[in-house]
All heavy atoms as atom14 arrays in JSON, in Angstrom:
{
  "sequence": "YRRFTERYGDFLNVSLLTGVSRIHIPETRVNARRSMKS",
  "atom14_mask": [
    [1, 1, 1, 1, 1, 1, 1, 1, 1, 1, 1, 1, 0, 0],
    [1, 1, 1, 1, 1, 1, 1, 1, 1, 1, 1, 0, 0, 0],
    [1, 1, 1, 1, 1, 1, 1, 1, 1, 1, 1, 0, 0, 0],
    [1, 1, 1, 1, 1, 1, 1, 1, 1, 1, 1, 0, 0, 0],
    [1, 1, 1, 1, 1, 1, 1, 0, 0, 0, 0, 0, 0, 0],
    [1, 1, 1, 1, 1, 1, 1, 1, 1, 0, 0, 0, 0, 0],
    [1, 1, 1, 1, 1, 1, 1, 1, 1, 1, 1, 0, 0, 0],
    [1, 1, 1, 1, 1, 1, 1, 1, 1, 1, 1, 1, 0, 0],
    [1, 1, 1, 1, 0, 0, 0, 0, 0, 0, 0, 0, 0, 0],
    [1, 1, 1, 1, 1, 1, 1, 1, 0, 0, 0, 0, 0, 0],
    [1, 1, 1, 1, 1, 1, 1, 1, 1, 1, 1, 0, 0, 0],
    [1, 1, 1, 1, 1, 1, 1, 1, 0, 0, 0, 0, 0, 0],
    [1, 1, 1, 1, 1, 1, 1, 1, 0, 0, 0, 0, 0, 0],
    [1, 1, 1, 1, 1, 1, 1, 0, 0, 0, 0, 0, 0, 0],
    [1, 1, 1, 1, 1, 1, 0, 0, 0, 0, 0, 0, 0, 0],
    [1, 1, 1, 1, 1, 1, 1, 1, 0, 0, 0, 0, 0, 0],
    [1, 1, 1, 1, 1, 1, 1, 1, 0, 0, 0, 0, 0, 0],
    [1, 1, 1, 1, 1, 1, 1, 0, 0, 0, 0, 0, 0, 0],
    [1, 1, 1, 1, 0, 0, 0, 0, 0, 0, 0, 0, 0, 0],
    [1, 1, 1, 1, 1, 1, 1, 0, 0, 0, 0, 0, 0, 0],
    [1, 1, 1, 1, 1, 1, 0, 0, 0, 0, 0, 0, 0, 0],
    [1, 1, 1, 1, 1, 1, 1, 1, 1, 1, 1, 0, 0, 0],
    [1, 1, 1, 1, 1, 1, 1, 1, 0, 0, 0, 0, 0, 0],
    [1, 1, 1, 1, 1, 1, 1, 1, 1, 1, 0, 0, 0, 0],
    [1, 1, 1, 1, 1, 1, 1, 1, 0, 0, 0, 0, 0, 0],
    [1, 1, 1, 1, 1, 1, 1, 0, 0, 0, 0, 0, 0, 0],
    [1, 1, 1, 1, 1, 1, 1, 1, 1, 0, 0, 0, 0, 0],
    [1, 1, 1, 1, 1, 1, 1, 0, 0, 0, 0, 0, 0, 0],
    [1, 1, 1, 1, 1, 1, 1, 1, 1, 1, 1, 0, 0, 0],
    [1, 1, 1, 1, 1, 1, 1, 0, 0, 0, 0, 0, 0, 0],
    [1, 1, 1, 1, 1, 1, 1, 1, 0, 0, 0, 0, 0, 0],
    [1, 1, 1, 1, 1, 0, 0, 0, 0, 0, 0, 0, 0, 0],
    [1, 1, 1, 1, 1, 1, 1, 1, 1, 1, 1, 0, 0, 0],
    [1, 1, 1, 1, 1, 1, 1, 1, 1, 1, 1, 0, 0, 0],
    [1, 1, 1, 1, 1, 1, 0, 0, 0, 0, 0, 0, 0, 0],
    [1, 1, 1, 1, 1, 1, 1, 1, 0, 0, 0, 0, 0, 0],
    [1, 1, 1, 1, 1, 1, 1, 1, 1, 0, 0, 0, 0, 0],
    [1, 1, 1, 1, 1, 1, 0, 0, 0, 0, 0, 0, 0, 0]
  ],
  "atom14_positions": [
    [[-101.41, 14.45, 93.45], [-101.6, 15.13, 92.15], [-100.54, 16.2, 91.95], [-99.92, 16.3, 90.87], [-103.0, 15.74, 92.09], [-103.19, 16.63, 90.87], [-103.38, 16.07, 89.61], [-103.16, 18.02, 90.99], [-103.54, 16.89, 88.48], [-103.32, 18.83, 89.88], [-103.51, 18.26, 88.63], [-103.65, 19.06, 87.53], [0.0, 0.0, 0.0], [0.0, 0.0, 0.0]],
    [[-100.29, 17.02, 92.97], [-99.28, 18.07, 92.83], [-97.89, 17.46, 92.62], [-97.11, 17.94, 91.79], [-99.28, 18.96, 94.08], [-100.49, 19.88, 94.19], [-100.25, 20.99, 95.21], [-100.07, 20.46, 96.55], [-101.06, 20.2, 97.39], [-102.31, 20.4, 97.01], [-100.81, 19.75, 98.6], [0.0, 0.0, 0.0], [0.0, 0.0, 0.0], [0.0, 0.0, 0.0]],
    [[-97.6, 16.39, 93.36], [-96.29, 15.75, 93.24], [-96.09, 15.19, 91.83], [-95.04, 15.41, 91.21], [-96.17, 14.63, 94.27], [-94.92, 13.76, 94.07], [-94.81, 12.7, 95.14], [-93.82, 11.7, 94.8], [-93.38, 10.78, 95.63], [-93.82, 10.74, 96.86], [-92.49, 9.89, 95.24], [0.0, 0.0, 0.0], [0.0, 0.0, 0.0], [0.0, 0.0, 0.0]],
    [[-97.07, 14.46, 91.31], [-96.93, 13.86, 89.98], [-96.88, 14.93, 88.89], [-96.14, 14.79, 87.91], [-98.09, 12.9, 89.71], [-98.09, 11.68, 90.59], [-99.22, 10.89, 90.7], [-96.97, 11.31, 91.32], [-99.23, 9.76, 91.5], [-96.96, 10.19, 92.13], [-98.1, 9.41, 92.23], [0.0, 0.0, 0.0], [0.0, 0.0, 0.0], [0.0, 0.0, 0.0]],
    [[-97.65, 15.99, 89.07], [-97.66, 17.06, 88.07], [-96.31, 17.75, 88.02], [-95.77, 18.05, 86.95], [-98.76, 18.07, 88.39], [-100.03, 17.4, 88.41], [-98.81, 19.17, 87.33], [0.0, 0.0, 0.0], [0.0, 0.0, 0.0], [0.0, 0.0, 0.0], [0.0, 0.0, 0.0], [0.0, 0.0, 0.0], [0.0, 0.0, 0.0], [0.0, 0.0, 0.0]],
    [[-95.75, 18.05, 89.19], [-94.44, 18.72, 89.25], [-93.34, 17.86, 88.64], [-92.46, 18.35, 87.94], [-94.09, 19.06, 90.7], [-94.96, 20.16, 91.29], [-94.79, 20.27, 92.81], [-93.98, 19.49, 93.36], [-95.48, 21.11, 93.43], [0.0, 0.0, 0.0], [0.0, 0.0, 0.0], [0.0, 0.0, 0.0], [0.0, 0.0, 0.0], [0.0, 0.0, 0.0]],
    [[-93.4, 16.56, 88.88], [-92.35, 15.67, 88.39], [-92.51, 15.3, 86.92], [-91.55, 15.32, 86.14], [-92.31, 14.38, 89.22], [-91.69, 14.56, 90.59], [-91.49, 13.21, 91.23], [-90.79, 13.32, 92.51], [-90.43, 12.28, 93.27], [-90.71, 11.06, 92.87], [-89.79, 12.46, 94.4], [0.0, 0.0, 0.0], [0.0, 0.0, 0.0], [0.0, 0.0, 0.0]],
    [[-93.72, 14.92, 86.54], [-93.92, 14.3, 85.23], [-94.82, 15.1, 84.29], [-95.11, 14.64, 83.18], [-94.5, 12.89, 85.42], [-93.8, 12.09, 86.5], [-94.49, 11.56, 87.58], [-92.43, 11.87, 86.43], [-93.84, 10.83, 88.58], [-91.76, 11.15, 87.43], [-92.48, 10.63, 88.49], [-91.82, 9.92, 89.48], [0.0, 0.0, 0.0], [0.0, 0.0, 0.0]],
    [[-95.25, 16.27, 84.74], [-96.19, 17.06, 83.95], [-95.66, 17.5, 82.59], [-96.44, 17.8, 81.69], [0.0, 0.0, 0.0], [0.0, 0.0, 0.0], [0.0, 0.0, 0.0], [0.0, 0.0, 0.0], [0.0, 0.0, 0.0], [0.0, 0.0, 0.0], [0.0, 0.0, 0.0], [0.0, 0.0, 0.0], [0.0, 0.0, 0.0], [0.0, 0.0, 0.0]],
    [[-94.35, 17.53, 82.42], [-93.77, 17.98, 81.14], [-93.96, 16.94, 80.04], [-93.94, 17.28, 78.85], [-92.28, 18.28, 81.3], [-92.03, 19.53, 82.13], [-92.98, 20.34, 82.27], [-90.91, 19.69, 82.65], [0.0, 0.0, 0.0], [0.0, 0.0, 0.0], [0.0, 0.0, 0.0], [0.0, 0.0, 0.0], [0.0, 0.0, 0.0], [0.0, 0.0, 0.0]],
    [[-94.11, 15.67, 80.38], [-94.23, 14.65, 79.34], [-95.4, 13.69, 79.55], [-95.63, 12.79, 78.74], [-92.92, 13.85, 79.21], [-92.48, 13.14, 80.46], [-92.8, 11.81, 80.67], [-91.74, 13.8, 81.42], [-92.39, 11.15, 81.82], [-91.32, 13.15, 82.58], [-91.64, 11.82, 82.77], [0.0, 0.0, 0.0], [0.0, 0.0, 0.0], [0.0, 0.0, 0.0]],
    [[-96.16, 13.86, 80.64], [-97.35, 13.05, 80.88], [-98.5, 13.94, 81.32], [-98.3, 14.92, 82.05], [-97.07, 12.0, 81.97], [-96.08, 10.89, 81.66], [-95.82, 10.06, 82.92], [-96.56, 9.99, 80.54], [0.0, 0.0, 0.0], [0.0, 0.0, 0.0], [0.0, 0.0, 0.0], [0.0, 0.0, 0.0], [0.0, 0.0, 0.0], [0.0, 0.0, 0.0]],
    [[-99.71, 13.59, 80.89], [-100.9, 14.3, 81.36], [-101.34, 13.69, 82.69], [-101.48, 12.47, 82.8], [-102.05, 14.17, 80.35], [-101.74, 14.89, 79.05], [-101.17, 15.98, 79.06], [-102.13, 14.3, 77.93], [0.0, 0.0, 0.0], [0.0, 0.0, 0.0], [0.0, 0.0, 0.0], [0.0, 0.0, 0.0], [0.0, 0.0, 0.0], [0.0, 0.0, 0.0]],
    [[-101.55, 14.56, 83.68], [-101.96, 14.1, 85.01], [-103.31, 14.71, 85.34], [-103.51, 15.92, 85.18], [-100.94, 14.49, 86.09], [-101.34, 13.91, 87.45], [-99.54, 14.01, 85.72], [0.0, 0.0, 0.0], [0.0, 0.0, 0.0], [0.0, 0.0, 0.0], [0.0, 0.0, 0.0], [0.0, 0.0, 0.0], [0.0, 0.0, 0.0], [0.0, 0.0, 0.0]],
    [[-104.26, 13.88, 85.8], [-105.59, 14.36, 86.16], [-105.92, 14.02, 87.61], [-105.3, 13.14, 88.22], [-106.65, 13.74, 85.25], [-106.68, 14.37, 84.0], [0.0, 0.0, 0.0], [0.0, 0.0, 0.0], [0.0, 0.0, 0.0], [0.0, 0.0, 0.0], [0.0, 0.0, 0.0], [0.0, 0.0, 0.0], [0.0, 0.0, 0.0], [0.0, 0.0, 0.0]],
    [[-106.92, 14.72, 88.11], [-107.39, 14.52, 89.49], [-108.87, 14.2, 89.47], [-109.65, 14.89, 88.81], [-107.14, 15.8, 90.31], [-107.57, 15.78, 91.78], [-106.74, 14.78, 92.57], [-107.43, 17.18, 92.39], [0.0, 0.0, 0.0], [0.0, 0.0, 0.0], [0.0, 0.0, 0.0], [0.0, 0.0, 0.0], [0.0, 0.0, 0.0], [0.0, 0.0, 0.0]],
    [[-109.27, 13.15, 90.17], [-110.67, 12.75, 90.24], [-111.03, 12.46, 91.68], [-110.67, 11.41, 92.23], [-110.94, 11.52, 89.37], [-112.39, 11.05, 89.3], [-113.26, 12.12, 88.66], [-112.49, 9.75, 88.52], [0.0, 0.0, 0.0], [0.0, 0.0, 0.0], [0.0, 0.0, 0.0], [0.0, 0.0, 0.0], [0.0, 0.0, 0.0], [0.0, 0.0, 0.0]],
    [[-111.71, 13.4, 92.31], [-112.06, 13.24, 93.73], [-113.55, 13.32, 94.0], [-113.96, 13.38, 95.14], [-111.36, 14.33, 94.57], [-111.73, 15.62, 94.07], [-109.86, 14.16, 94.51], [0.0, 0.0, 0.0], [0.0, 0.0, 0.0], [0.0, 0.0, 0.0], [0.0, 0.0, 0.0], [0.0, 0.0, 0.0], [0.0, 0.0, 0.0], [0.0, 0.0, 0.0]],
    [[-114.35, 13.3, 92.97], [-115.78, 13.39, 93.18], [-116.22, 14.82, 93.39], [-115.44, 15.76, 93.3], [0.0, 0.0, 0.0], [0.0, 0.0, 0.0], [0.0, 0.0, 0.0], [0.0, 0.0, 0.0], [0.0, 0.0, 0.0], [0.0, 0.0, 0.0], [0.0, 0.0, 0.0], [0.0, 0.0, 0.0], [0.0, 0.0, 0.0], [0.0, 0.0, 0.0]],
    [[-117.49, 14.99, 93.71], [-118.08, 16.31, 93.87], [-118.07, 16.7, 95.33], [-118.5, 15.95, 96.19], [-119.52, 16.35, 93.33], [-120.13, 17.72, 93.51], [-119.55, 15.93, 91.86], [0.0, 0.0, 0.0], [0.0, 0.0, 0.0], [0.0, 0.0, 0.0], [0.0, 0.0, 0.0], [0.0, 0.0, 0.0], [0.0, 0.0, 0.0], [0.0, 0.0, 0.0]],
    [[-117.55, 17.88, 95.64], [-117.53, 18.37, 97.02], [-118.94, 18.7, 97.48], [-119.76, 19.22, 96.72], [-116.66, 19.62, 97.13], [-116.75, 20.16, 98.43], [0.0, 0.0, 0.0], [0.0, 0.0, 0.0], [0.0, 0.0, 0.0], [0.0, 0.0, 0.0], [0.0, 0.0, 0.0], [0.0, 0.0, 0.0], [0.0, 0.0, 0.0], [0.0, 0.0, 0.0]],
    [[-119.22, 18.41, 98.73], [-120.53, 18.73, 99.29], [-120.65, 20.21, 99.63], [-121.72, 20.73, 99.86], [-120.78, 17.89, 100.55], [-120.98, 16.41, 100.25], [-121.1, 15.6, 101.51], [-119.83, 15.55, 102.22], [-119.66, 14.94, 103.39], [-120.67, 14.36, 103.99], [-118.48, 14.94, 103.98], [0.0, 0.0, 0.0], [0.0, 0.0, 0.0], [0.0, 0.0, 0.0]],
    [[-119.52, 20.91, 99.67], [-119.53, 22.35, 99.98], [-119.08, 23.1, 98.73], [-117.93, 23.02, 98.33], [-118.59, 22.67, 101.16], [-118.96, 21.81, 102.36], [-118.65, 24.14, 101.5], [-118.01, 21.97, 103.52], [0.0, 0.0, 0.0], [0.0, 0.0, 0.0], [0.0, 0.0, 0.0], [0.0, 0.0, 0.0], [0.0, 0.0, 0.0], [0.0, 0.0, 0.0]],
    [[-119.98, 23.8, 98.11], [-119.69, 24.43, 96.83], [-119.17, 25.85, 97.03], [-119.9, 26.83, 96.88], [-120.95, 24.43, 95.95], [-121.39, 23.06, 95.55], [-120.77, 22.32, 94.56], [-122.36, 22.26, 96.05], [-121.37, 21.14, 94.44], [-122.33, 21.09, 95.35], [0.0, 0.0, 0.0], [0.0, 0.0, 0.0], [0.0, 0.0, 0.0], [0.0, 0.0, 0.0]],
    [[-117.91, 25.97, 97.41], [-117.25, 27.27, 97.48], [-115.93, 27.14, 96.74], [-115.35, 26.05, 96.66], [-117.02, 27.72, 98.94], [-116.22, 26.66, 99.72], [-118.33, 28.02, 99.64], [-115.87, 27.08, 101.14], [0.0, 0.0, 0.0], [0.0, 0.0, 0.0], [0.0, 0.0, 0.0], [0.0, 0.0, 0.0], [0.0, 0.0, 0.0], [0.0, 0.0, 0.0]],
    [[-115.41, 28.22, 96.17], [-114.19, 28.13, 95.35], [-113.02, 27.52, 96.1], [-112.19, 26.83, 95.5], [-113.91, 29.6, 95.0], [-115.25, 30.27, 95.07], [-115.98, 29.58, 96.17], [0.0, 0.0, 0.0], [0.0, 0.0, 0.0], [0.0, 0.0, 0.0], [0.0, 0.0, 0.0], [0.0, 0.0, 0.0], [0.0, 0.0, 0.0], [0.0, 0.0, 0.0]],
    [[-112.91, 27.76, 97.42], [-111.75, 27.29, 98.16], [-111.68, 25.77, 98.27], [-110.64, 25.21, 98.56], [-111.75, 27.89, 99.58], [-111.47, 29.38, 99.64], [-112.72, 30.21, 99.33], [-113.79, 29.6, 99.1], [-112.6, 31.44, 99.33], [0.0, 0.0, 0.0], [0.0, 0.0, 0.0], [0.0, 0.0, 0.0], [0.0, 0.0, 0.0], [0.0, 0.0, 0.0]],
    [[-112.82, 25.08, 98.07], [-112.82, 23.63, 98.23], [-112.38, 22.9, 96.98], [-112.13, 21.7, 97.0], [-114.22, 23.13, 98.62], [-115.13, 23.42, 97.55], [-114.71, 23.78, 99.9], [0.0, 0.0, 0.0], [0.0, 0.0, 0.0], [0.0, 0.0, 0.0], [0.0, 0.0, 0.0], [0.0, 0.0, 0.0], [0.0, 0.0, 0.0], [0.0, 0.0, 0.0]],
    [[-112.28, 23.61, 95.88], [-111.94, 22.96, 94.62], [-110.51, 23.3, 94.2], [-110.14, 24.46, 94.08], [-112.92, 23.39, 93.53], [-112.73, 22.63, 92.22], [-113.85, 22.95, 91.24], [-113.66, 22.29, 89.96], [-114.02, 21.05, 89.68], [-114.58, 20.33, 90.62], [-113.82, 20.53, 88.49], [0.0, 0.0, 0.0], [0.0, 0.0, 0.0], [0.0, 0.0, 0.0]],
    [[-109.73, 22.25, 93.96], [-108.35, 22.42, 93.52], [-108.34, 22.66, 92.02], [-109.05, 22.0, 91.26], [-107.53, 21.16, 93.87], [-106.12, 21.27, 93.3], [-107.5, 20.97, 95.37], [0.0, 0.0, 0.0], [0.0, 0.0, 0.0], [0.0, 0.0, 0.0], [0.0, 0.0, 0.0], [0.0, 0.0, 0.0], [0.0, 0.0, 0.0], [0.0, 0.0, 0.0]],
    [[-107.54, 23.62, 91.58], [-107.41, 23.89, 90.16], [-106.58, 22.78, 89.53], [-105.36, 22.71, 89.7], [-106.73, 25.25, 89.95], [-106.65, 25.63, 88.49], [-107.41, 25.1, 87.66], [-105.74, 26.53, 88.15], [0.0, 0.0, 0.0], [0.0, 0.0, 0.0], [0.0, 0.0, 0.0], [0.0, 0.0, 0.0], [0.0, 0.0, 0.0], [0.0, 0.0, 0.0]],
    [[-107.25, 21.86, 88.83], [-106.56, 20.67, 88.32], [-107.22, 20.19, 87.04], [-108.38, 20.46, 86.76], [-106.6, 19.55, 89.36], [0.0, 0.0, 0.0], [0.0, 0.0, 0.0], [0.0, 0.0, 0.0], [0.0, 0.0, 0.0], [0.0, 0.0, 0.0], [0.0, 0.0, 0.0], [0.0, 0.0, 0.0], [0.0, 0.0, 0.0], [0.0, 0.0, 0.0]],
    [[-106.45, 19.45, 86.26], [-106.98, 18.79, 85.07], [-107.9, 17.66, 85.54], [-107.58, 16.93, 86.48], [-105.81, 18.24, 84.25], [-106.2, 17.48, 82.99], [-104.96, 16.86, 82.35], [-105.31, 16.0, 81.23], [-105.34, 16.4, 79.97], [-105.0, 17.65, 79.66], [-105.67, 15.56, 79.01], [0.0, 0.0, 0.0], [0.0, 0.0, 0.0], [0.0, 0.0, 0.0]],
    [[-109.06, 17.48, 84.86], [-110.05, 16.51, 85.31], [-110.38, 15.45, 84.25], [-111.32, 14.69, 84.42], [-111.34, 17.22, 85.7], [-111.16, 18.33, 86.74], [-111.13, 17.8, 88.13], [-110.78, 18.85, 89.1], [-110.81, 18.69, 90.4], [-111.18, 17.53, 90.91], [-110.47, 19.66, 91.21], [0.0, 0.0, 0.0], [0.0, 0.0, 0.0], [0.0, 0.0, 0.0]],
    [[-109.62, 15.37, 83.2], [-109.93, 14.44, 82.11], [-109.73, 12.99, 82.54], [-108.75, 12.65, 83.21], [-109.04, 14.73, 80.9], [-109.18, 13.73, 79.92], [0.0, 0.0, 0.0], [0.0, 0.0, 0.0], [0.0, 0.0, 0.0], [0.0, 0.0, 0.0], [0.0, 0.0, 0.0], [0.0, 0.0, 0.0], [0.0, 0.0, 0.0], [0.0, 0.0, 0.0]],
    [[-110.65, 12.11, 82.1], [-110.53, 10.69, 82.38], [-109.68, 9.97, 81.34], [-109.55, 8.75, 81.37], [-111.92, 10.05, 82.45], [-112.71, 10.45, 83.68], [-111.87, 9.99, 85.22], [-111.94, 8.21, 85.11], [0.0, 0.0, 0.0], [0.0, 0.0, 0.0], [0.0, 0.0, 0.0], [0.0, 0.0, 0.0], [0.0, 0.0, 0.0], [0.0, 0.0, 0.0]],
    [[-109.11, 10.74, 80.42], [-108.27, 10.14, 79.38], [-106.8, 10.48, 79.58], [-106.0, 10.36, 78.65], [-108.74, 10.6, 78.0], [-110.15, 10.13, 77.64], [-110.55, 10.59, 76.25], [-111.96, 10.1, 75.9], [-112.35, 10.53, 74.54], [0.0, 0.0, 0.0], [0.0, 0.0, 0.0], [0.0, 0.0, 0.0], [0.0, 0.0, 0.0], [0.0, 0.0, 0.0]],
    [[-106.44, 10.89, 80.77], [-105.06, 11.28, 81.05], [-104.17, 10.06, 81.24], [-104.64, 8.93, 81.46], [-105.0, 12.15, 82.3], [-105.62, 13.4, 82.07], [0.0, 0.0, 0.0], [0.0, 0.0, 0.0], [0.0, 0.0, 0.0], [0.0, 0.0, 0.0], [0.0, 0.0, 0.0], [0.0, 0.0, 0.0], [0.0, 0.0, 0.0], [0.0, 0.0, 0.0]]
  ]
}
């Protein structure tokens, strides 16, 4: 996700879909776009 965003983020929407973490703390969640229409 980071690689694609850095390379193509200027002209393409990139999203991340990894499911729900079993450990709900801020450090486990990556700050990322989550849209299924990317």
